Amino acid sequence: MLYRINTDSSRFKSIAVELYDSANILAVGAVITAYSGKHLFTADNFVTRGFQSSVQPFITLGIGDSPSIDSLYIRWPGKGFTVLYNLSANKKIRVIRSESEVNENPHN
Protein backbone atom coordinates (compact mmCIF):
# COMPACT_ATOMS: atom_id res chain seq x y z
CA MET A 1 0.00 0.00 0.00
CA LEU A 2 1.06 3.55 -0.64
CA TYR A 3 -0.22 6.42 1.51
CA ARG A 4 -0.31 10.07 0.56
CA ILE A 5 -0.89 12.98 2.94
CA ASN A 6 -3.55 15.27 1.48
CA THR A 7 -3.39 17.97 4.15
CA ASP A 8 -3.72 21.48 2.78
CA SER A 9 -0.59 23.17 4.20
CA SER A 10 -1.86 26.60 3.20
CA ARG A 11 -4.79 26.15 5.59
CA PHE A 12 -3.42 23.83 8.28
CA LYS A 13 0.09 24.90 9.23
CA SER A 14 2.84 23.26 11.24
CA ILE A 15 6.42 23.76 12.33
CA ALA A 16 9.01 21.00 12.70
CA VAL A 17 11.81 21.33 15.24
CA GLU A 18 14.93 19.18 15.19
CA LEU A 19 17.00 19.33 18.37
CA TYR A 20 20.64 18.45 18.84
CA ASP A 21 22.65 18.37 22.05
CA SER A 22 26.27 17.13 22.14
CA ALA A 23 25.75 15.32 25.46
CA ASN A 24 22.38 13.83 24.38
CA ILE A 25 22.53 13.69 20.59
CA LEU A 26 18.76 13.77 19.89
CA ALA A 27 17.96 15.86 23.00
CA VAL A 28 15.66 13.12 24.26
CA GLY A 29 13.56 14.46 27.10
CA ALA A 30 13.48 18.06 25.88
CA VAL A 31 10.15 19.86 26.13
CA ILE A 32 8.99 22.38 23.53
CA THR A 33 6.36 25.02 24.23
CA ALA A 34 5.19 27.32 21.44
CA TYR A 35 3.00 30.40 21.67
CA SER A 36 1.01 31.79 18.75
CA GLY A 37 -1.42 34.54 19.58
CA LYS A 38 -3.66 33.18 22.34
CA HIS A 39 -2.77 29.57 21.54
CA LEU A 40 -0.30 27.35 23.40
CA PHE A 41 1.26 24.23 21.87
CA THR A 42 3.52 21.78 23.68
CA ALA A 43 5.36 18.55 22.91
CA ASP A 44 7.90 16.24 24.52
CA ASN A 45 10.87 14.97 22.54
CA PHE A 46 10.88 11.17 22.78
CA VAL A 47 11.77 9.01 19.79
CA THR A 48 10.39 5.75 21.17
CA ARG A 49 6.74 4.72 21.13
CA GLY A 50 6.93 1.22 22.55
CA PHE A 51 8.83 -2.02 22.31
CA GLN A 52 11.09 -1.90 19.20
CA SER A 53 9.22 1.11 17.83
CA SER A 54 10.42 4.62 17.11
CA VAL A 55 9.50 7.80 15.27
CA GLN A 56 11.49 10.38 13.35
CA PRO A 57 13.88 12.35 15.58
CA PHE A 58 12.12 15.70 15.33
CA ILE A 59 8.96 17.27 16.72
CA THR A 60 6.17 18.49 14.48
CA LEU A 61 3.71 20.91 16.05
CA GLY A 62 0.40 21.47 14.26
CA ILE A 63 -0.44 25.15 14.73
CA GLY A 64 -3.76 25.35 12.90
CA ASP A 65 -4.22 28.47 10.80
CA SER A 66 -1.58 30.55 12.61
CA PRO A 67 0.89 32.10 10.13
CA SER A 68 3.78 32.03 12.62
CA ILE A 69 4.98 31.19 16.11
CA ASP A 70 5.41 34.20 18.39
CA SER A 71 7.90 32.40 20.63
CA LEU A 72 9.28 28.89 21.03
CA TYR A 73 10.60 27.81 24.43
CA ILE A 74 12.90 24.75 24.52
CA ARG A 75 13.60 23.24 27.94
CA TRP A 76 16.69 21.09 27.45
CA PRO A 77 17.17 17.81 29.32
CA GLY A 78 19.18 18.40 32.45
CA LYS A 79 19.49 22.17 32.74
CA GLY A 80 18.88 25.24 30.65
CA PHE A 81 16.46 26.60 28.12
CA THR A 82 16.47 28.42 24.79
CA VAL A 83 13.86 30.87 23.51
CA LEU A 84 13.37 31.66 19.81
CA TYR A 85 11.07 34.38 18.46
CA ASN A 86 9.01 35.02 15.30
CA LEU A 87 9.26 31.67 13.48
CA SER A 88 7.40 31.19 10.20
CA ALA A 89 4.96 28.32 9.78
CA ASN A 90 5.50 25.33 7.45
CA LYS A 91 9.24 25.29 8.11
CA LYS A 92 11.68 22.86 9.68
CA ILE A 93 14.23 24.39 12.01
CA ARG A 94 17.27 22.83 13.65
CA VAL A 95 18.34 24.02 17.06
CA ILE A 96 21.82 23.05 18.24
CA ARG A 97 22.21 23.56 21.95
CA SER A 98 25.87 24.63 21.81
CA GLU A 99 25.13 27.26 19.11
CA SER A 100 21.98 28.71 20.66
CA GLU A 101 21.79 30.93 23.68
CA VAL A 102 21.18 28.62 26.63
CA ASN A 103 20.00 30.21 29.83
CA GLU A 104 20.12 28.59 33.22
CA ASN A 105 16.64 27.96 34.57
CA PRO A 106 16.47 27.63 38.37
CA HIS A 107 13.15 25.77 38.02
CA ASN A 108 14.60 22.90 35.94
C-alpha atoms as a PDB file:
ATOM      1  CA  MET A   1       0.000   0.000   0.000  1.00  0.00           C
ATOM      2  CA  LEU A   2       1.060   3.554  -0.639  1.00  0.00           C
ATOM      3  CA  TYR A   3      -0.223   6.417   1.506  1.00  0.00           C
ATOM      4  CA  ARG A   4      -0.312  10.071   0.561  1.00  0.00           C
ATOM      5  CA  ILE A   5      -0.889  12.982   2.942  1.00  0.00           C
ATOM      6  CA  ASN A   6      -3.549  15.268   1.485  1.00  0.00           C
ATOM      7  CA  THR A   7      -3.388  17.968   4.145  1.00  0.00           C
ATOM      8  CA  ASP A   8      -3.725  21.482   2.782  1.00  0.00           C
ATOM      9  CA  SER A   9      -0.589  23.172   4.202  1.00  0.00           C
ATOM     10  CA  SER A  10      -1.860  26.603   3.197  1.00  0.00           C
ATOM     11  CA  ARG A  11      -4.788  26.154   5.586  1.00  0.00           C
ATOM     12  CA  PHE A  12      -3.418  23.831   8.283  1.00  0.00           C
ATOM     13  CA  LYS A  13       0.086  24.896   9.234  1.00  0.00           C
ATOM     14  CA  SER A  14       2.839  23.259  11.238  1.00  0.00           C
ATOM     15  CA  ILE A  15       6.417  23.758  12.329  1.00  0.00           C
ATOM     16  CA  ALA A  16       9.008  20.998  12.701  1.00  0.00           C
ATOM     17  CA  VAL A  17      11.807  21.330  15.244  1.00  0.00           C
ATOM     18  CA  GLU A  18      14.932  19.182  15.186  1.00  0.00           C
ATOM     19  CA  LEU A  19      17.000  19.328  18.373  1.00  0.00           C
ATOM     20  CA  TYR A  20      20.643  18.448  18.842  1.00  0.00           C
ATOM     21  CA  ASP A  21      22.652  18.375  22.053  1.00  0.00           C
ATOM     22  CA  SER A  22      26.265  17.134  22.136  1.00  0.00           C
ATOM     23  CA  ALA A  23      25.747  15.318  25.456  1.00  0.00           C
ATOM     24  CA  ASN A  24      22.381  13.830  24.382  1.00  0.00           C
ATOM     25  CA  ILE A  25      22.527  13.694  20.592  1.00  0.00           C
ATOM     26  CA  LEU A  26      18.761  13.768  19.891  1.00  0.00           C
ATOM     27  CA  ALA A  27      17.957  15.864  22.997  1.00  0.00           C
ATOM     28  CA  VAL A  28      15.660  13.115  24.256  1.00  0.00           C
ATOM     29  CA  GLY A  29      13.560  14.461  27.099  1.00  0.00           C
ATOM     30  CA  ALA A  30      13.481  18.061  25.884  1.00  0.00           C
ATOM     31  CA  VAL A  31      10.153  19.863  26.131  1.00  0.00           C
ATOM     32  CA  ILE A  32       8.994  22.385  23.530  1.00  0.00           C
ATOM     33  CA  THR A  33       6.359  25.019  24.234  1.00  0.00           C
ATOM     34  CA  ALA A  34       5.194  27.317  21.439  1.00  0.00           C
ATOM     35  CA  TYR A  35       3.000  30.396  21.665  1.00  0.00           C
ATOM     36  CA  SER A  36       1.010  31.786  18.749  1.00  0.00           C
ATOM     37  CA  GLY A  37      -1.420  34.543  19.582  1.00  0.00           C
ATOM     38  CA  LYS A  38      -3.664  33.183  22.339  1.00  0.00           C
ATOM     39  CA  HIS A  39      -2.765  29.571  21.542  1.00  0.00           C
ATOM     40  CA  LEU A  40      -0.304  27.353  23.395  1.00  0.00           C
ATOM     41  CA  PHE A  41       1.265  24.234  21.866  1.00  0.00           C
ATOM     42  CA  THR A  42       3.522  21.783  23.681  1.00  0.00           C
ATOM     43  CA  ALA A  43       5.364  18.548  22.913  1.00  0.00           C
ATOM     44  CA  ASP A  44       7.904  16.238  24.523  1.00  0.00           C
ATOM     45  CA  ASN A  45      10.870  14.967  22.545  1.00  0.00           C
ATOM     46  CA  PHE A  46      10.880  11.174  22.776  1.00  0.00           C
ATOM     47  CA  VAL A  47      11.772   9.012  19.795  1.00  0.00           C
ATOM     48  CA  THR A  48      10.391   5.746  21.174  1.00  0.00           C
ATOM     49  CA  ARG A  49       6.743   4.715  21.128  1.00  0.00           C
ATOM     50  CA  GLY A  50       6.931   1.224  22.551  1.00  0.00           C
ATOM     51  CA  PHE A  51       8.835  -2.022  22.307  1.00  0.00           C
ATOM     52  CA  GLN A  52      11.091  -1.903  19.198  1.00  0.00           C
ATOM     53  CA  SER A  53       9.217   1.111  17.829  1.00  0.00           C
ATOM     54  CA  SER A  54      10.419   4.625  17.111  1.00  0.00           C
ATOM     55  CA  VAL A  55       9.496   7.800  15.268  1.00  0.00           C
ATOM     56  CA  GLN A  56      11.485  10.381  13.349  1.00  0.00           C
ATOM     57  CA  PRO A  57      13.885  12.346  15.579  1.00  0.00           C
ATOM     58  CA  PHE A  58      12.121  15.704  15.333  1.00  0.00           C
ATOM     59  CA  ILE A  59       8.962  17.268  16.717  1.00  0.00           C
ATOM     60  CA  THR A  60       6.166  18.492  14.478  1.00  0.00           C
ATOM     61  CA  LEU A  61       3.709  20.906  16.049  1.00  0.00           C
ATOM     62  CA  GLY A  62       0.404  21.469  14.265  1.00  0.00           C
ATOM     63  CA  ILE A  63      -0.438  25.149  14.730  1.00  0.00           C
ATOM     64  CA  GLY A  64      -3.765  25.347  12.897  1.00  0.00           C
ATOM     65  CA  ASP A  65      -4.217  28.467  10.798  1.00  0.00           C
ATOM     66  CA  SER A  66      -1.579  30.552  12.612  1.00  0.00           C
ATOM     67  CA  PRO A  67       0.886  32.098  10.126  1.00  0.00           C
ATOM     68  CA  SER A  68       3.776  32.033  12.620  1.00  0.00           C
ATOM     69  CA  ILE A  69       4.978  31.194  16.111  1.00  0.00           C
ATOM     70  CA  ASP A  70       5.408  34.204  18.387  1.00  0.00           C
ATOM     71  CA  SER A  71       7.896  32.398  20.626  1.00  0.00           C
ATOM     72  CA  LEU A  72       9.281  28.892  21.029  1.00  0.00           C
ATOM     73  CA  TYR A  73      10.605  27.815  24.426  1.00  0.00           C
ATOM     74  CA  ILE A  74      12.902  24.755  24.519  1.00  0.00           C
ATOM     75  CA  ARG A  75      13.601  23.240  27.938  1.00  0.00           C
ATOM     76  CA  TRP A  76      16.687  21.091  27.450  1.00  0.00           C
ATOM     77  CA  PRO A  77      17.172  17.810  29.325  1.00  0.00           C
ATOM     78  CA  GLY A  78      19.184  18.404  32.445  1.00  0.00           C
ATOM     79  CA  LYS A  79      19.494  22.166  32.739  1.00  0.00           C
ATOM     80  CA  GLY A  80      18.883  25.240  30.650  1.00  0.00           C
ATOM     81  CA  PHE A  81      16.457  26.599  28.117  1.00  0.00           C
ATOM     82  CA  THR A  82      16.466  28.424  24.790  1.00  0.00           C
ATOM     83  CA  VAL A  83      13.860  30.874  23.508  1.00  0.00           C
ATOM     84  CA  LEU A  84      13.369  31.664  19.808  1.00  0.00           C
ATOM     85  CA  TYR A  85      11.070  34.376  18.459  1.00  0.00           C
ATOM     86  CA  ASN A  86       9.012  35.015  15.297  1.00  0.00           C
ATOM     87  CA  LEU A  87       9.262  31.672  13.481  1.00  0.00           C
ATOM     88  CA  SER A  88       7.403  31.187  10.202  1.00  0.00           C
ATOM     89  CA  ALA A  89       4.963  28.317   9.785  1.00  0.00           C
ATOM     90  CA  ASN A  90       5.500  25.334   7.449  1.00  0.00           C
ATOM     91  CA  LYS A  91       9.244  25.289   8.112  1.00  0.00           C
ATOM     92  CA  LYS A  92      11.681  22.855   9.678  1.00  0.00           C
ATOM     93  CA  ILE A  93      14.233  24.390  12.013  1.00  0.00           C
ATOM     94  CA  ARG A  94      17.270  22.831  13.645  1.00  0.00           C
ATOM     95  CA  VAL A  95      18.343  24.021  17.059  1.00  0.00           C
ATOM     96  CA  ILE A  96      21.817  23.047  18.239  1.00  0.00           C
ATOM     97  CA  ARG A  97      22.213  23.558  21.949  1.00  0.00           C
ATOM     98  CA  SER A  98      25.866  24.626  21.805  1.00  0.00           C
ATOM     99  CA  GLU A  99      25.130  27.260  19.108  1.00  0.00           C
ATOM    100  CA  SER A 100      21.979  28.709  20.656  1.00  0.00           C
ATOM    101  CA  GLU A 101      21.791  30.932  23.681  1.00  0.00           C
ATOM    102  CA  VAL A 102      21.182  28.617  26.631  1.00  0.00           C
ATOM    103  CA  ASN A 103      19.999  30.213  29.834  1.00  0.00           C
ATOM    104  CA  GLU A 104      20.117  28.591  33.217  1.00  0.00           C
ATOM    105  CA  ASN A 105      16.644  27.963  34.574  1.00  0.00           C
ATOM    106  CA  PRO A 106      16.473  27.629  38.368  1.00  0.00           C
ATOM    107  CA  HIS A 107      13.150  25.768  38.015  1.00  0.00           C
ATOM    108  CA  ASN A 108      14.599  22.897  35.942  1.00  0.00           C
END
